[in-house]
Protein backbone atom coordinates (compact mmCIF):
# COMPACT_ATOMS: atom_id res chain seq x y z
CA MET A 1 116.51 -6.87 -80.66
CA THR A 2 115.00 -8.62 -83.92
CA ASP A 3 111.69 -10.17 -84.70
CA LYS A 4 110.15 -8.30 -81.85
CA ILE A 5 106.39 -9.18 -81.36
CA LEU A 6 103.83 -6.44 -80.12
CA PHE A 7 100.68 -7.51 -78.33
CA VAL A 8 97.65 -5.35 -78.41
CA ASP A 9 94.52 -5.89 -75.94
CA ASP A 10 92.53 -3.31 -73.99
CA GLU A 11 92.40 -5.84 -71.09
CA ALA A 12 95.46 -5.42 -68.67
CA ASN A 13 95.25 -8.62 -67.31
CA VAL A 14 95.19 -10.47 -70.69
CA ILE A 15 98.47 -8.35 -71.29
CA GLN A 16 99.88 -9.54 -67.94
CA SER A 17 99.27 -13.17 -68.86
CA MET A 18 100.71 -13.10 -72.32
CA LYS A 19 103.83 -11.56 -70.75
CA ARG A 20 104.19 -14.34 -68.11
CA GLN A 21 103.74 -17.26 -70.95
CA LEU A 22 105.72 -15.47 -73.77
CA ARG A 23 108.37 -13.20 -72.44
CA LYS A 24 111.05 -15.89 -72.06
CA ARG A 25 110.68 -17.11 -75.49
CA PHE A 26 109.81 -14.09 -77.70
CA PRO A 27 111.07 -10.33 -77.56
CA MET A 28 107.79 -8.75 -77.00
CA GLN A 29 106.20 -5.44 -76.22
CA THR A 30 102.60 -4.58 -75.48
CA ALA A 31 99.97 -2.00 -75.85
CA LEU A 32 96.61 -1.28 -74.41
CA SER A 33 94.97 0.21 -77.47
CA GLY A 34 95.35 0.64 -81.21
CA ASP A 35 96.63 4.22 -80.72
CA GLU A 36 99.42 3.16 -78.48
CA ALA A 37 100.14 0.31 -80.66
CA LEU A 38 100.83 2.69 -83.82
CA GLN A 39 102.67 4.92 -81.66
CA LYS A 40 104.86 2.12 -80.57
CA MET A 41 105.46 0.66 -84.14
CA LYS A 42 106.34 4.33 -85.12
CA GLU A 43 108.90 4.95 -82.59
CA GLU A 44 110.32 1.58 -81.69
CA GLY A 45 109.66 -0.58 -84.87
CA PRO A 46 109.99 -2.20 -87.00
CA PHE A 47 107.93 -5.21 -85.53
CA ALA A 48 107.90 -8.56 -86.99
CA VAL A 49 104.58 -9.59 -85.69
CA ILE A 50 101.56 -7.77 -84.23
CA VAL A 51 98.89 -9.67 -82.44
CA SER A 52 95.70 -7.73 -81.97
CA ASP A 53 92.33 -8.38 -79.91
CA MET A 54 89.22 -7.67 -82.02
CA ARG A 55 87.08 -5.71 -79.66
CA MET A 56 88.76 -2.41 -78.16
CA PRO A 57 87.32 1.08 -77.43
CA GLY A 58 88.16 3.35 -80.26
CA MET A 59 90.24 1.45 -83.04
CA ASP A 60 88.92 -1.93 -83.06
CA GLY A 61 91.30 -4.92 -84.01
CA ILE A 62 90.21 -5.00 -87.86
CA GLU A 63 90.76 -1.28 -88.22
CA LEU A 64 94.09 -1.51 -86.43
CA LEU A 65 95.56 -4.22 -88.57
CA LYS A 66 94.17 -2.67 -92.02
CA THR A 67 96.19 0.55 -90.86
CA VAL A 68 99.34 -1.62 -90.02
CA LYS A 69 99.06 -3.31 -93.45
CA ASN A 70 99.06 -0.23 -95.23
CA LEU A 71 101.73 1.43 -93.05
CA TYR A 72 103.97 -1.50 -92.33
CA PRO A 73 103.40 -4.08 -94.97
CA ASP A 74 106.10 -6.40 -93.98
CA THR A 75 104.63 -6.83 -90.38
CA VAL A 76 103.01 -10.17 -90.03
CA ARG A 77 99.42 -9.65 -88.71
CA ILE A 78 97.52 -11.97 -86.14
CA MET A 79 94.18 -11.71 -84.77
CA LEU A 80 93.47 -13.15 -81.27
CA THR A 81 89.94 -12.80 -79.89
CA GLY A 82 86.97 -14.03 -78.14
CA ASN A 83 84.67 -12.76 -80.48
CA ALA A 84 85.11 -15.67 -83.18
CA ASP A 85 82.02 -15.39 -85.41
CA GLN A 86 82.50 -16.05 -89.10
CA GLU A 87 81.66 -12.45 -90.32
CA THR A 88 84.19 -11.07 -88.07
CA ALA A 89 86.99 -13.54 -89.31
CA ILE A 90 85.89 -12.70 -93.00
CA GLU A 91 86.24 -9.25 -92.50
CA ALA A 92 89.75 -9.48 -90.68
CA VAL A 93 91.34 -11.53 -93.37
CA ASN A 94 89.96 -9.50 -96.09
CA SER A 95 90.80 -6.07 -94.59
CA GLY A 96 93.78 -6.73 -92.74
CA GLN A 97 95.12 -9.66 -94.71
CA ILE A 98 95.87 -11.49 -91.48
CA PHE A 99 98.47 -14.57 -91.15
CA ARG A 100 96.36 -16.36 -88.48
CA PHE A 101 92.90 -15.98 -86.75
CA LEU A 102 93.19 -17.22 -83.22
CA THR A 103 90.48 -17.53 -80.53
CA LYS A 104 90.68 -17.00 -76.79
CA PRO A 105 91.58 -18.68 -74.65
CA CYS A 106 94.35 -20.02 -77.01
CA PRO A 107 96.45 -22.77 -75.61
CA THR A 108 100.09 -21.97 -75.40
CA ALA A 109 100.74 -25.19 -77.38
CA MET A 110 98.95 -23.45 -80.29
CA LEU A 111 100.03 -19.87 -79.77
CA ILE A 112 103.64 -20.45 -79.62
CA PRO A 113 103.99 -22.36 -82.95
CA SER A 114 101.78 -19.49 -84.61
CA LEU A 115 104.15 -16.98 -83.56
CA ALA A 116 107.28 -18.72 -84.50
CA LEU A 117 105.66 -19.27 -87.93
CA ALA A 118 104.76 -15.45 -88.10
CA GLN A 119 108.31 -14.59 -87.30
CA ARG A 120 109.53 -17.00 -89.79
CA GLN A 121 107.12 -15.54 -92.46
CA TYR A 122 108.51 -12.15 -91.73
CA ARG A 123 112.28 -13.26 -92.11
CA LEU A 124 111.19 -14.69 -95.56
CA VAL A 125 109.48 -11.67 -96.72
CA THR A 126 112.21 -9.36 -95.70
CA ALA A 127 115.05 -11.41 -96.89
CA GLU A 128 113.30 -11.81 -100.31
CA LYS A 129 112.82 -7.90 -100.43
CA GLU A 130 116.44 -7.32 -99.54
CA LEU A 131 117.56 -9.78 -102.06
CA LEU A 132 115.46 -8.07 -104.86
CA GLN A 133 116.71 -4.62 -103.81
CA LYS A 134 120.41 -5.85 -103.76
CA THR A 135 119.86 -7.59 -107.10
CA LEU A 136 118.29 -4.54 -108.71
CA LYS A 137 120.49 -2.28 -107.33
CA GLY A 138 123.49 -4.36 -108.25
CA SER A 139 122.22 -4.76 -111.97
CA ILE A 140 121.53 -1.32 -112.40
CA THR A 141 124.75 -0.01 -110.96
CA VAL A 142 126.74 -2.35 -113.30
CA LEU A 143 124.90 -1.15 -116.36
CA SER A 144 124.94 2.41 -115.26
CA GLU A 145 128.80 1.96 -114.81
CA LEU A 146 129.07 0.44 -118.10
CA LEU A 147 127.31 3.25 -119.83
CA SER A 148 129.67 5.46 -118.07
CA GLN A 149 132.53 3.97 -119.60
CA ALA A 150 131.19 3.16 -123.16
CA LYS A 151 129.33 6.56 -123.67
CA PRO A 152 130.04 9.23 -120.91
CA THR A 153 127.83 11.83 -122.31
CA VAL A 154 124.82 9.66 -122.30
CA PHE A 155 125.35 8.63 -118.80
CA SER A 156 125.88 12.38 -117.62
CA ALA A 157 122.36 12.79 -119.32
CA GLY A 158 121.10 9.91 -117.48
CA LEU A 159 121.62 11.74 -114.40
CA ARG A 160 120.07 14.76 -115.19
CA LEU A 161 116.89 12.69 -116.92
CA LYS A 162 116.66 11.01 -113.44
CA GLU A 163 116.36 14.41 -111.70
CA TYR A 164 113.76 15.45 -114.31
CA GLY A 165 111.63 12.22 -113.97
CA ILE A 166 111.67 12.20 -110.32
CA GLN A 167 110.36 15.79 -110.18
CA VAL A 168 107.61 15.45 -112.85
CA ALA A 169 106.45 12.13 -111.47
CA GLU A 170 106.21 13.75 -107.81
CA ALA A 171 104.35 16.73 -109.59
CA LEU A 172 101.81 14.29 -111.17
CA GLU A 173 101.81 12.18 -107.89
CA LEU A 174 102.56 9.09 -109.76
CA PRO A 175 103.02 5.77 -107.65
CA ASN A 176 106.13 3.60 -107.83
CA ILE A 177 108.45 6.66 -108.46
CA TRP A 178 111.59 4.31 -108.24
CA GLN A 179 110.45 2.99 -111.36
CA ILE A 180 110.61 6.56 -113.27
CA GLU A 181 114.02 7.11 -111.58
CA VAL A 182 115.44 3.81 -112.82
CA SER A 183 113.89 4.31 -116.34
CA ALA A 184 115.28 7.69 -116.62
CA LEU A 185 118.64 6.84 -115.57
CA LEU A 186 118.71 3.90 -118.12
CA ALA A 187 116.60 5.37 -120.66
CA GLN A 188 119.48 5.70 -123.38
CA ILE A 189 121.33 2.45 -122.52
CA GLY A 190 120.67 1.53 -125.95
CA CYS A 191 122.84 4.38 -127.15
CA ILE A 192 125.71 2.33 -126.68
CA SER A 193 124.94 0.66 -129.94
CA LEU A 194 124.93 4.18 -132.03
CA PRO A 195 127.99 5.58 -133.81
CA THR A 196 129.52 8.48 -131.84
CA ASP A 197 128.91 10.67 -134.71
CA ILE A 198 125.21 10.48 -134.58
CA LEU A 199 125.21 11.50 -130.80
CA ASN A 200 127.50 14.36 -131.97
CA LYS A 201 124.90 15.61 -134.32
CA LYS A 202 122.08 14.93 -131.94
CA TYR A 203 123.66 17.08 -129.15
CA ALA A 204 124.69 19.68 -131.65
CA GLY A 205 120.98 20.21 -132.85
CA LEU A 206 122.07 18.93 -136.46
CA GLU A 207 119.85 17.42 -138.76
CA LEU A 208 120.20 13.47 -139.11
CA SER A 209 120.10 11.60 -142.22
CA ALA A 210 117.43 9.32 -143.00
CA GLU A 211 119.54 6.24 -141.95
CA GLU A 212 120.94 7.92 -138.74
CA GLU A 213 117.47 9.06 -137.90
CA GLU A 214 116.29 5.35 -138.04
CA MET A 215 119.12 4.31 -135.86
CA TRP A 216 118.30 6.90 -133.53
CA HIS A 217 114.69 6.00 -133.39
CA ASN A 218 115.60 2.22 -132.67
CA TYR A 219 117.91 2.73 -129.91
CA PRO A 220 115.18 2.27 -127.25
CA GLU A 221 114.40 -1.19 -128.50
CA VAL A 222 118.12 -2.09 -128.06
CA GLY A 223 117.94 -0.78 -124.31
CA ALA A 224 114.89 -2.58 -123.59
CA ARG A 225 116.23 -5.91 -124.90
CA LEU A 226 119.05 -5.52 -122.70
CA LEU A 227 116.72 -5.18 -119.68
CA ASP A 228 114.36 -7.71 -120.46
CA ARG A 229 116.10 -10.48 -118.40
CA ILE A 230 116.29 -8.32 -114.99
CA PRO A 231 113.61 -9.38 -112.54
CA ARG A 232 110.98 -6.91 -111.55
CA LEU A 233 112.10 -4.46 -114.13
CA ASP A 234 109.22 -5.18 -116.36
CA ASP A 235 107.47 -1.96 -116.28
CA VAL A 236 110.74 -0.02 -116.34
CA THR A 237 111.68 -1.82 -119.61
CA LYS A 238 108.30 -0.76 -121.25
CA MET A 239 108.83 2.67 -120.33
CA ILE A 240 112.12 2.49 -121.92
CA ARG A 241 110.91 0.68 -125.09
CA TRP A 242 108.17 3.09 -125.63
CA GLN A 243 110.08 6.44 -124.91
CA GLN A 244 110.19 7.53 -128.61
CA LYS A 245 106.29 7.17 -128.96
CA ARG A 246 104.56 10.37 -129.55
CA PHE A 247 101.82 10.97 -127.23
CA ASP A 248 99.27 10.82 -129.93
CA GLU A 249 100.52 7.18 -130.71
CA PHE A 250 99.53 5.73 -127.34
CA ASP A 251 96.04 4.07 -128.76
CA LYS A 252 93.40 3.15 -126.66
CA GLU A 253 94.03 -0.66 -126.74
CA LEU A 254 97.30 0.13 -124.99
CA ASP A 255 95.59 2.01 -122.58
CA LYS A 256 93.37 -0.77 -121.70
CA THR A 257 96.21 -3.46 -121.31
CA GLU A 258 98.90 -1.10 -119.42
CA PHE A 259 99.02 0.62 -116.01
CA GLU A 260 98.34 4.44 -116.55
CA GLU A 261 101.89 4.99 -114.84
CA VAL A 262 103.75 2.94 -117.23
CA LEU A 263 102.35 4.77 -120.16
CA THR A 264 102.79 8.05 -118.36
CA GLY A 265 106.51 7.03 -117.70
CA ALA A 266 107.21 6.51 -121.13
CA GLN A 267 105.85 10.01 -121.88
CA ILE A 268 107.86 11.52 -119.21
CA LEU A 269 111.01 9.84 -120.89
CA ARG A 270 110.13 11.25 -124.38
CA ALA A 271 109.78 15.05 -122.95
CA ALA A 272 112.77 14.54 -120.61
CA ILE A 273 114.92 13.52 -123.28
CA ASP A 274 113.95 16.23 -125.89
CA PHE A 275 113.96 18.69 -123.09
CA ASP A 276 117.55 17.98 -122.02
CA LEU A 277 118.68 18.05 -125.49
CA LEU A 278 117.37 21.76 -126.00
CA ILE A 279 118.89 22.46 -122.58
CA PHE A 280 122.10 21.16 -123.76
CA GLN A 281 122.19 23.26 -126.94
CA GLY A 282 121.53 26.38 -124.83
CA ARG A 283 117.91 26.82 -124.46
CA SER A 284 116.60 28.28 -121.04
CA PRO A 285 114.08 25.80 -119.27
CA LYS A 286 111.31 28.22 -120.36
CA LYS A 287 112.21 28.51 -123.86
CA ALA A 288 112.72 24.64 -123.95
CA VAL A 289 109.19 23.99 -122.59
CA ALA A 290 107.77 26.67 -124.98
CA GLN A 291 109.39 24.75 -128.01
CA LEU A 292 108.33 21.28 -126.88
CA ARG A 293 104.77 22.93 -126.65
CA SER A 294 104.80 24.01 -130.26
CA ARG A 295 105.01 20.51 -131.31
CA PRO A 296 101.33 19.38 -130.86
CA GLY A 297 100.81 15.56 -130.42
CA VAL A 298 104.31 14.82 -129.66
CA TYR A 299 104.05 15.13 -125.69
CA ASN A 300 101.69 14.66 -123.07
CA PRO A 301 100.53 18.14 -122.17
CA LYS A 302 100.17 17.27 -118.37
CA VAL A 303 103.79 16.35 -118.57
CA LEU A 304 104.89 19.67 -120.00
CA ASP A 305 102.60 21.34 -117.39
CA ALA A 306 104.80 19.60 -114.63
CA PHE A 307 107.77 20.24 -116.53
CA ALA A 308 106.70 24.26 -116.56
CA ARG A 309 106.19 24.09 -112.79
CA ILE A 310 109.29 22.85 -111.57
CA HIS A 311 112.82 24.21 -110.85
CA PHE A 312 115.78 22.13 -112.67
CA GLN A 313 119.29 22.29 -111.23
CA GLU A 314 122.31 22.19 -113.81
CA HIS A 315 124.49 19.36 -113.18
CA VAL A 316 128.28 19.56 -114.54
CA ARG A 317 130.64 16.62 -114.45
CA THR A 318 134.29 16.48 -115.27
CA VAL A 319 135.89 13.54 -116.77
CA SER A 320 139.11 12.59 -118.72
CA LEU A 321 138.36 11.02 -122.18
CA PRO A 322 140.15 9.92 -125.36
CA VAL A 323 139.45 11.87 -128.42
CA HIS A 324 137.11 9.75 -129.81
CA ASP A 325 134.77 9.94 -127.01
CA ILE A 326 134.42 13.53 -127.14
CA VAL A 327 131.40 14.96 -128.24
CA VAL A 328 129.67 18.49 -129.01
CA GLY A 329 128.89 20.64 -126.15
CA MET A 330 131.61 19.42 -123.84
CA ILE A 331 133.83 22.13 -122.53
CA ALA A 332 137.60 21.74 -122.26
CA GLU A 333 138.78 21.90 -118.80
CA GLU A 334 142.52 21.98 -119.57
CA ASP A 335 144.49 23.08 -122.75
CA ILE A 336 144.25 20.65 -125.36
CA ALA A 337 147.60 20.00 -127.01
CA ALA A 338 149.14 17.94 -129.78
CA LYS A 339 152.05 15.74 -129.28
CA ASN A 340 154.38 18.00 -130.91
CA GLY A 341 153.64 20.49 -128.41
CA ALA A 342 151.22 22.82 -130.34
CA LEU A 343 148.36 24.33 -128.63
CA ILE A 344 145.08 22.90 -130.33
CA LEU A 345 142.22 24.38 -127.92
CA PRO A 346 142.51 26.50 -124.91
CA LYS A 347 140.90 25.81 -121.67
CA GLY A 348 137.39 26.90 -121.30
CA GLN A 349 136.48 26.62 -125.05
CA GLU A 350 133.43 24.54 -125.84
CA ILE A 351 133.69 21.72 -128.27
CA THR A 352 131.33 22.84 -131.26
CA TRP A 353 130.71 20.49 -134.48
CA SER A 354 133.55 22.04 -136.47
CA ILE A 355 136.05 22.09 -133.66
CA LEU A 356 135.32 18.38 -133.12
CA GLN A 357 136.09 17.73 -136.75
CA ALA A 358 139.01 19.49 -136.62
CA LEU A 359 140.42 17.43 -133.37
CA TYR A 360 139.61 14.31 -135.14
CA ASN A 361 141.83 15.42 -138.22
CA PHE A 362 144.27 16.67 -136.27
CA ASN A 363 144.63 13.30 -134.01
CA ARG A 364 144.88 11.36 -137.19
CA GLN A 365 147.59 13.63 -138.60
CA VAL A 366 149.80 14.69 -135.89
CA GLY A 367 148.16 13.09 -132.56
CA ILE A 368 146.76 14.79 -129.59
CA ILE A 369 147.82 14.11 -125.96
CA GLU A 370 145.33 11.94 -124.11
CA PRO A 371 143.14 11.80 -122.03
CA ILE A 372 141.47 15.04 -122.70
CA THR A 373 139.80 16.49 -119.52
CA VAL A 374 136.35 17.94 -120.35
CA SER A 375 132.99 18.92 -118.46
CA ILE A 376 129.92 17.52 -119.27
CA GLY A 377 126.62 19.16 -118.69
CA PRO A 378 124.03 21.82 -120.20
CA LYS A 379 125.87 25.03 -121.46
CA ASN A 380 126.29 27.47 -118.52
CA GLU A 381 125.66 30.76 -120.27
CA LYS A 382 125.04 33.82 -118.03
CA ASN A 383 122.61 35.38 -120.44
CA ARG A 384 120.28 32.45 -120.59
CA ASP A 385 116.70 32.98 -119.23
CA SER A 386 115.84 31.07 -116.26
């Protein structure tokens, strides 16, 4: 049953009258108190519309509609009351954000159109939300799939960053955690503009040249520009754009103009990306956090405290790639062989910087059988501290 209406009134005769007038026109249920109404909404919802009396024992109509607004914001709220003084009406509108304020006795000719309009409002709100969710989800899925094809190592990192971001955001009790989740997943989408060699060096922990360092520093802006045109991702885009900022670079003017959760989100990305690189290079979570703490002014101390308190799971993903997409840190899941049959690298071998250069050279001179099956994820060393 869709677009259900819930009538709430402590007078049983009023409830019976509503049933006689409206049961053939609207799917409806009734409650004799605010507590009963909330219980029915919890067990039998969703309800498109709630119509409440004002004066009821215990929870009055204003308190009920305010609670419904917080718990079920899509439900359209109507007050139907015999107490029609101006003060009551103002409080109902301000606290409960009601759709209509109707007075008893309400003629059927007025009540029925009001309920029909409330149902229509509910359908508009839910349809818009569904459209936005599908649009956002579809856009993010497309971008994520493109990233997985273009830069599988970065895509794999995004899955780990998403987990880090969610857990840290929950530890910090941030609102709108979905924004942290999306920004973490797409944080490094700008890396599609980077040469593979830079990613290899970064994941290997090697020093970048001045030109390479500048390219690495600029990839967040590339990613932010890709996301600028997607509706409702403004805050996500800002987090991605500012992810390379040091904590001490967030000045007071920025604090005044932006929501705290947006700035904290960017600071979470900065810590998560560097934490993930250290884990990928073989550090334990404990040592990785300690190394981040040794860089004063770079990271938000509260974010690092959250990292230190949570438990991270290692994620390993197996993919098949051409030689030019292989990067440092991957593990060969099958023997890597040349086209002339020679064994180049045995199964289980980690791809180091020197091995990668040898693979590139051998592929140019003799050729390597592609695709190569490798696993992507943090190093799984038995002797690492947890």
